[in-house]
PDB file of N, CA and C in Angstrom:
ATOM      1  N   UNK A   1     -37.512-174.787 350.055  1.00  0.00           N
ATOM      2  CA  UNK A   1     -38.893-175.975 350.721  1.00  0.00           C
ATOM      3  C   UNK A   1     -37.984-175.823 351.900  1.00  0.00           C
ATOM      4  N   UNK A   2     -38.267-176.706 353.442  1.00  0.00           N
ATOM      5  CA  UNK A   2     -36.847-176.697 353.814  1.00  0.00           C
ATOM      6  C   UNK A   2     -37.234-178.790 353.643  1.00  0.00           C
ATOM      7  N   UNK A   3     -35.822-179.036 354.018  1.00  0.00           N
ATOM      8  CA  UNK A   3     -35.320-180.322 353.724  1.00  0.00           C
ATOM      9  C   UNK A   3     -36.486-181.603 354.637  1.00  0.00           C
ATOM     10  N   UNK A   4     -37.001-181.309 355.997  1.00  0.00           N
ATOM     11  CA  UNK A   4     -38.233-182.419 356.525  1.00  0.00           C
ATOM     12  C   UNK A   4     -39.052-182.670 354.772  1.00  0.00           C
ATOM     13  N   UNK A   5     -39.345-181.704 354.179  1.00  0.00           N
ATOM     14  CA  UNK A   5     -41.100-181.328 353.420  1.00  0.00           C
ATOM     15  C   UNK A   5     -40.078-182.368 352.195  1.00  0.00           C
ATOM     16  N   UNK A   6     -38.865-181.963 351.657  1.00  0.00           N
ATOM     17  CA  UNK A   6     -38.336-182.362 350.675  1.00  0.00           C
ATOM     18  C   UNK A   6     -38.520-184.187 351.176  1.00  0.00           C
ATOM     19  N   UNK A   7     -38.418-184.087 352.147  1.00  0.00           N
ATOM     20  CA  UNK A   7     -38.894-186.602 352.381  1.00  0.00           C
ATOM     21  C   UNK A   7     -40.196-186.875 352.213  1.00  0.00           C
ATOM     22  N   UNK A   8     -41.143-185.649 352.586  1.00  0.00           N
ATOM     23  CA  UNK A   8     -42.501-186.598 352.128  1.00  0.00           C
ATOM     24  C   UNK A   8     -43.294-186.000 351.067  1.00  0.00           C
ATOM     25  N   UNK A   9     -42.742-184.671 350.301  1.00  0.00           N
ATOM     26  CA  UNK A   9     -43.412-183.607 349.416  1.00  0.00           C
ATOM     27  C   UNK A   9     -43.051-185.018 348.386  1.00  0.00           C
ATOM     28  N   UNK A  10     -42.338-185.280 347.945  1.00  0.00           N
ATOM     29  CA  UNK A  10     -41.943-186.116 346.631  1.00  0.00           C
ATOM     30  C   UNK A  10     -42.870-187.435 346.630  1.00  0.00           C
ATOM     31  N   UNK A  11     -42.235-188.205 348.078  1.00  0.00           N
ATOM     32  CA  UNK A  11     -42.890-189.691 348.311  1.00  0.00           C
ATOM     33  C   UNK A  11     -44.895-189.737 348.140  1.00  0.00           C
ATOM     34  N   UNK A  12     -44.877-188.450 348.615  1.00  0.00           N
ATOM     35  CA  UNK A  12     -46.478-188.650 348.887  1.00  0.00           C
ATOM     36  C   UNK A  12     -47.453-188.670 347.016  1.00  0.00           C
ATOM     37  N   UNK A  13     -46.281-187.692 346.748  1.00  0.00           N
ATOM     38  CA  UNK A  13     -46.558-187.911 345.186  1.00  0.00           C
ATOM     39  C   UNK A  13     -47.019-188.755 344.414  1.00  0.00           C
ATOM     40  N   UNK A  14     -46.190-189.526 344.416  1.00  0.00           N
ATOM     41  CA  UNK A  14     -46.400-191.022 344.493  1.00  0.00           C
ATOM     42  C   UNK A  14     -46.720-192.049 345.190  1.00  0.00           C
ATOM     43  N   UNK A  15     -48.048-191.120 346.711  1.00  0.00           N
ATOM     44  CA  UNK A  15     -48.281-192.575 346.906  1.00  0.00           C
ATOM     45  C   UNK A  15     -48.636-192.849 347.946  1.00  0.00           C
ATOM     46  N   UNK A  16     -46.730-192.811 348.795  1.00  0.00           N
ATOM     47  CA  UNK A  16     -45.538-193.494 348.987  1.00  0.00           C
ATOM     48  C   UNK A  16     -45.534-192.697 350.511  1.00  0.00           C
ATOM     49  N   UNK A  17     -45.182-193.756 351.384  1.00  0.00           N
ATOM     50  CA  UNK A  17     -43.981-192.942 352.547  1.00  0.00           C
ATOM     51  C   UNK A  17     -42.813-193.028 351.486  1.00  0.00           C
ATOM     52  N   UNK A  18     -42.072-191.750 352.495  1.00  0.00           N
ATOM     53  CA  UNK A  18     -41.014-191.855 352.835  1.00  0.00           C
ATOM     54  C   UNK A  18     -39.862-193.420 352.969  1.00  0.00           C
ATOM     55  N   UNK A  19     -40.863-193.938 353.737  1.00  0.00           N
ATOM     56  CA  UNK A  19     -39.829-195.153 353.756  1.00  0.00           C
ATOM     57  C   UNK A  19     -39.794-196.479 352.977  1.00  0.00           C
ATOM     58  N   UNK A  20     -41.447-196.446 352.137  1.00  0.00           N
ATOM     59  CA  UNK A  20     -41.457-197.187 350.978  1.00  0.00           C
ATOM     60  C   UNK A  20     -41.031-196.647 349.811  1.00  0.00           C
ATOM     61  N   UNK A  21     -40.835-195.526 349.799  1.00  0.00           N
ATOM     62  CA  UNK A  21     -40.100-194.646 348.411  1.00  0.00           C
ATOM     63  C   UNK A  21     -38.433-195.645 348.371  1.00  0.00           C
ATOM     64  N   UNK A  22     -38.836-195.270 349.470  1.00  0.00           N
ATOM     65  CA  UNK A  22     -36.607-195.221 349.707  1.00  0.00           C
ATOM     66  C   UNK A  22     -36.491-196.565 349.383  1.00  0.00           C
ATOM     67  N   UNK A  23     -37.061-197.584 350.148  1.00  0.00           N
ATOM     68  CA  UNK A  23     -37.175-199.229 349.399  1.00  0.00           C
ATOM     69  C   UNK A  23     -36.791-199.705 348.122  1.00  0.00           C
ATOM     70  N   UNK A  24     -37.983-198.710 347.547  1.00  0.00           N
ATOM     71  CA  UNK A  24     -38.357-199.269 345.421  1.00  0.00           C
ATOM     72  C   UNK A  24     -37.416-198.158 344.755  1.00  0.00           C
ATOM     73  N   UNK A  25     -36.691-196.991 345.792  1.00  0.00           N
ATOM     74  CA  UNK A  25     -36.235-196.263 344.724  1.00  0.00           C
ATOM     75  C   UNK A  25     -34.628-197.615 344.699  1.00  0.00           C
ATOM     76  N   UNK A  26     -34.039-197.545 345.961  1.00  0.00           N
ATOM     77  CA  UNK A  26     -32.889-198.880 346.680  1.00  0.00           C
ATOM     78  C   UNK A  26     -32.598-200.207 345.998  1.00  0.00           C
ATOM     79  N   UNK A  27     -34.491-200.333 345.296  1.00  0.00           N
ATOM     80  CA  UNK A  27     -34.871-202.008 344.851  1.00  0.00           C
ATOM     81  C   UNK A  27     -34.129-201.498 343.956  1.00  0.00           C
ATOM     82  N   UNK A  28     -34.925-200.711 342.961  1.00  0.00           N
ATOM     83  CA  UNK A  28     -34.398-200.100 341.393  1.00  0.00           C
ATOM     84  C   UNK A  28     -32.787-199.322 341.441  1.00  0.00           C
ATOM     85  N   UNK A  29     -32.497-198.835 342.398  1.00  0.00           N
ATOM     86  CA  UNK A  29     -31.069-198.680 341.964  1.00  0.00           C
ATOM     87  C   UNK A  29     -30.284-199.909 341.901  1.00  0.00           C
ATOM     88  N   UNK A  30     -30.283-200.966 342.536  1.00  0.00           N
ATOM     89  CA  UNK A  30     -29.713-202.436 342.606  1.00  0.00           C
ATOM     90  C   UNK A  30     -29.595-202.571 341.804  1.00  0.00           C
ATOM     91  N   UNK A  31     -31.156-202.802 341.393  1.00  0.00           N
ATOM     92  CA  UNK A  31     -31.550-203.441 339.693  1.00  0.00           C
ATOM     93  C   UNK A  31     -30.739-203.003 339.142  1.00  0.00           C
ATOM     94  N   UNK A  32     -30.258-201.997 338.762  1.00  0.00           N
ATOM     95  CA  UNK A  32     -29.853-201.207 337.566  1.00  0.00           C
ATOM     96  C   UNK A  32     -27.938-201.551 338.117  1.00  0.00           C
ATOM     97  N   UNK A  33     -27.466-201.515 339.018  1.00  0.00           N
ATOM     98  CA  UNK A  33     -26.126-201.573 338.902  1.00  0.00           C
ATOM     99  C   UNK A  33     -26.258-202.993 338.431  1.00  0.00           C
ATOM    100  N   UNK A  34     -27.238-204.460 338.934  1.00  0.00           N
ATOM    101  CA  UNK A  34     -26.492-204.991 338.533  1.00  0.00           C
ATOM    102  C   UNK A  34     -26.528-205.750 337.287  1.00  0.00           C
ATOM    103  N   UNK A  35     -27.508-204.871 336.344  1.00  0.00           N
ATOM    104  CA  UNK A  35     -27.476-204.841 335.075  1.00  0.00           C
ATOM    105  C   UNK A  35     -26.552-204.624 334.169  1.00  0.00           C
ATOM    106  N   UNK A  36     -25.750-203.340 334.729  1.00  0.00           N
ATOM    107  CA  UNK A  36     -24.006-202.848 334.574  1.00  0.00           C
ATOM    108  C   UNK A  36     -23.264-204.019 334.447  1.00  0.00           C
ATOM    109  N   UNK A  37     -23.391-204.190 335.748  1.00  0.00           N
ATOM    110  CA  UNK A  37     -22.084-205.176 335.529  1.00  0.00           C
ATOM    111  C   UNK A  37     -22.754-206.385 335.065  1.00  0.00           C
ATOM    112  N   UNK A  38     -23.690-206.441 334.420  1.00  0.00           N
ATOM    113  CA  UNK A  38     -23.615-207.705 333.250  1.00  0.00           C
ATOM    114  C   UNK A  38     -23.528-206.696 332.150  1.00  0.00           C
ATOM    115  N   UNK A  39     -23.720-206.235 332.165  1.00  0.00           N
ATOM    116  CA  UNK A  39     -23.185-205.276 330.592  1.00  0.00           C
ATOM    117  C   UNK A  39     -21.991-205.219 330.723  1.00  0.00           C
ATOM    118  N   UNK A  40     -20.888-204.917 331.242  1.00  0.00           N
ATOM    119  CA  UNK A  40     -19.398-204.355 331.743  1.00  0.00           C
ATOM    120  C   UNK A  40     -18.912-206.224 331.729  1.00  0.00           C
ATOM    121  N   UNK A  41     -19.496-206.577 331.838  1.00  0.00           N
ATOM    122  CA  UNK A  41     -19.317-208.285 331.819  1.00  0.00           C
ATOM    123  C   UNK A  41     -19.359-209.010 330.624  1.00  0.00           C
ATOM    124  N   UNK A  42     -20.757-208.544 329.543  1.00  0.00           N
ATOM    125  CA  UNK A  42     -20.629-208.763 329.207  1.00  0.00           C
ATOM    126  C   UNK A  42     -20.508-207.690 327.357  1.00  0.00           C
ATOM    127  N   UNK A  43     -19.901-206.975 327.259  1.00  0.00           N
ATOM    128  CA  UNK A  43     -18.436-206.265 326.636  1.00  0.00           C
ATOM    129  C   UNK A  43     -17.273-206.882 326.843  1.00  0.00           C
ATOM    130  N   UNK A  44     -16.902-207.287 327.997  1.00  0.00           N
ATOM    131  CA  UNK A  44     -15.975-208.004 327.762  1.00  0.00           C
ATOM    132  C   UNK A  44     -15.347-209.426 327.793  1.00  0.00           C
ATOM    133  N   UNK A  45     -16.330-210.087 327.724  1.00  0.00           N
ATOM    134  CA  UNK A  45     -16.658-211.355 326.791  1.00  0.00           C
ATOM    135  C   UNK A  45     -18.151-211.670 326.628  1.00  0.00           C
ATOM    136  N   UNK A  46     -18.344-211.483 325.753  1.00  0.00           N
ATOM    137  CA  UNK A  46     -19.612-211.862 324.610  1.00  0.00           C
ATOM    138  C   UNK A  46     -20.549-212.348 325.112  1.00  0.00           C
ATOM    139  N   UNK A  47     -19.586-213.935 325.175  1.00  0.00           N
ATOM    140  CA  UNK A  47     -20.120-214.995 325.924  1.00  0.00           C
ATOM    141  C   UNK A  47     -20.950-215.218 327.184  1.00  0.00           C
ATOM    142  N   UNK A  48     -20.752-214.255 327.829  1.00  0.00           N
ATOM    143  CA  UNK A  48     -21.273-214.413 328.819  1.00  0.00           C
ATOM    144  C   UNK A  48     -22.875-213.404 329.093  1.00  0.00           C
ATOM    145  N   UNK A  49     -23.457-213.779 329.824  1.00  0.00           N
ATOM    146  CA  UNK A  49     -24.521-212.149 330.181  1.00  0.00           C
ATOM    147  C   UNK A  49     -25.339-211.811 328.730  1.00  0.00           C
ATOM    148  N   UNK A  50     -25.340-212.630 328.209  1.00  0.00           N
ATOM    149  CA  UNK A  50     -25.731-212.373 326.410  1.00  0.00           C
ATOM    150  C   UNK A  50     -27.436-211.837 326.542  1.00  0.00           C
ATOM    151  N   UNK A  51     -28.025-211.357 327.596  1.00  0.00           N
ATOM    152  CA  UNK A  51     -29.358-210.767 327.863  1.00  0.00           C
ATOM    153  C   UNK A  51     -29.951-210.338 328.933  1.00  0.00           C
ATOM    154  N   UNK A  52     -28.504-210.770 329.613  1.00  0.00           N
ATOM    155  CA  UNK A  52     -29.208-209.516 330.676  1.00  0.00           C
ATOM    156  C   UNK A  52     -29.208-208.563 331.272  1.00  0.00           C
ATOM    157  N   UNK A  53     -28.909-208.013 330.690  1.00  0.00           N
ATOM    158  CA  UNK A  53     -29.155-206.060 331.473  1.00  0.00           C
ATOM    159  C   UNK A  53     -30.246-206.157 330.466  1.00  0.00           C
ATOM    160  N   UNK A  54     -30.657-205.810 329.562  1.00  0.00           N
ATOM    161  CA  UNK A  54     -31.354-206.233 328.043  1.00  0.00           C
ATOM    162  C   UNK A  54     -33.066-206.404 329.094  1.00  0.00           C
ATOM    163  N   UNK A  55     -32.941-207.899 329.736  1.00  0.00           N
ATOM    164  CA  UNK A  55     -33.893-208.410 330.381  1.00  0.00           C
ATOM    165  C   UNK A  55     -33.792-208.161 331.425  1.00  0.00           C
ATOM    166  N   UNK A  56     -33.123-207.490 332.306  1.00  0.00           N
ATOM    167  CA  UNK A  56     -33.607-206.837 333.434  1.00  0.00           C
ATOM    168  C   UNK A  56     -33.758-205.175 333.205  1.00  0.00           C
ATOM    169  N   UNK A  57     -33.233-204.461 332.406  1.00  0.00           N
ATOM    170  CA  UNK A  57     -34.298-203.630 331.901  1.00  0.00           C
ATOM    171  C   UNK A  57     -35.792-203.453 331.198  1.00  0.00           C
ATOM    172  N   UNK A  58     -36.025-204.489 330.592  1.00  0.00           N
ATOM    173  CA  UNK A  58     -36.954-205.071 330.025  1.00  0.00           C
ATOM    174  C   UNK A  58     -37.765-205.141 331.275  1.00  0.00           C
ATOM    175  N   UNK A  59     -37.671-206.303 332.098  1.00  0.00           N
ATOM    176  CA  UNK A  59     -38.519-206.480 334.084  1.00  0.00           C
ATOM    177  C   UNK A  59     -38.536-204.330 334.617  1.00  0.00           C
ATOM    178  N   UNK A  60     -37.786-203.595 334.565  1.00  0.00           N
ATOM    179  CA  UNK A  60     -37.920-203.356 335.511  1.00  0.00           C
ATOM    180  C   UNK A  60     -38.853-202.654 334.393  1.00  0.00           C
ATOM    181  N   UNK A  61     -38.836-201.905 333.435  1.00  0.00           N
ATOM    182  CA  UNK A  61     -39.919-200.608 332.713  1.00  0.00           C
ATOM    183  C   UNK A  61     -41.264-201.523 332.601  1.00  0.00           C
ATOM    184  N   UNK A  62     -41.393-203.083 333.276  1.00  0.00           N
ATOM    185  CA  UNK A  62     -42.706-203.437 333.295  1.00  0.00           C
ATOM    186  C   UNK A  62     -43.366-203.482 334.805  1.00  0.00           C
ATOM    187  N   UNK A  63     -42.411-203.352 335.409  1.00  0.00           N
ATOM    188  CA  UNK A  63     -42.601-203.338 337.327  1.00  0.00           C
ATOM    189  C   UNK A  63     -43.085-201.515 337.272  1.00  0.00           C
ATOM    190  N   UNK A  64     -42.085-200.840 336.871  1.00  0.00           N
ATOM    191  CA  UNK A  64     -42.201-199.228 337.280  1.00  0.00           C
ATOM    192  C   UNK A  64     -44.155-199.441 336.284  1.00  0.00           C
ATOM    193  N   UNK A  65     -43.737-199.827 335.198  1.00  0.00           N
ATOM    194  CA  UNK A  65     -45.609-199.243 334.569  1.00  0.00           C
ATOM    195  C   UNK A  65     -46.451-199.691 335.937  1.00  0.00           C
ATOM    196  N   UNK A  66     -46.492-200.955 335.886  1.00  0.00           N
ATOM    197  CA  UNK A  66     -47.135-201.938 336.963  1.00  0.00           C
ATOM    198  C   UNK A  66     -47.325-200.472 337.572  1.00  0.00           C
ATOM    199  N   UNK A  67     -46.317-199.902 338.902  1.00  0.00           N
ATOM    200  CA  UNK A  67     -46.869-199.316 339.986  1.00  0.00           C
ATOM    201  C   UNK A  67     -47.099-198.145 339.356  1.00  0.00           C
ATOM    202  N   UNK A  68     -46.803-197.767 337.970  1.00  0.00           N
ATOM    203  CA  UNK A  68     -47.318-196.170 337.545  1.00  0.00           C
ATOM    204  C   UNK A  68     -48.687-196.246 337.459  1.00  0.00           C
ATOM    205  N   UNK A  69     -49.299-197.788 337.537  1.00  0.00           N
ATOM    206  CA  UNK A  69     -50.667-197.314 336.589  1.00  0.00           C
ATOM    207  C   UNK A  69     -51.784-198.063 337.890  1.00  0.00           C
ATOM    208  N   UNK A  70     -50.966-198.472 339.347  1.00  0.00           N
ATOM    209  CA  UNK A  70     -51.411-198.421 340.130  1.00  0.00           C
ATOM    210  C   UNK A  70     -51.549-197.129 341.402  1.00  0.00           C
ATOM    211  N   UNK A  71     -51.326-196.644 340.946  1.00  0.00           N
ATOM    212  CA  UNK A  71     -51.242-194.983 341.526  1.00  0.00           C
ATOM    213  C   UNK A  71     -51.521-194.140 341.385  1.00  0.00           C
ATOM    214  N   UNK A  72     -52.122-194.640 339.533  1.00  0.00           N
ATOM    215  CA  UNK A  72     -53.752-193.263 339.001  1.00  0.00           C
ATOM    216  C   UNK A  72     -54.742-193.736 339.487  1.00  0.00           C
ATOM    217  N   UNK A  73     -55.699-192.366 340.150  1.00  0.00           N
ATOM    218  CA  UNK A  73     -57.045-192.563 340.655  1.00  0.00           C
ATOM    219  C   UNK A  73     -57.055-193.198 339.694  1.00  0.00           C
ATOM    220  N   UNK A  74     -58.892-193.681 340.706  1.00  0.00           N
ATOM    221  CA  UNK A  74     -59.214-194.481 339.257  1.00  0.00           C
ATOM    222  C   UNK A  74     -61.010-193.360 338.879  1.00  0.00           C
TER     223      UNK A  74
END
């Protein structure tokens, strides 16, 4: 696969342009990084961020399910 093709082929399968796909992937990455940091702090100090990581994961899961459902043909 050529490099330029790699930038458009997968996003197209998700019904997105490269820019849209890039923004969504970066948002997911940032969200997971925040959840990871909350889990790390919670591991050290259990009274802090008691549900933040799991809440974030559930919210992200729901969001990705909505995105996937909107991409399926009618």
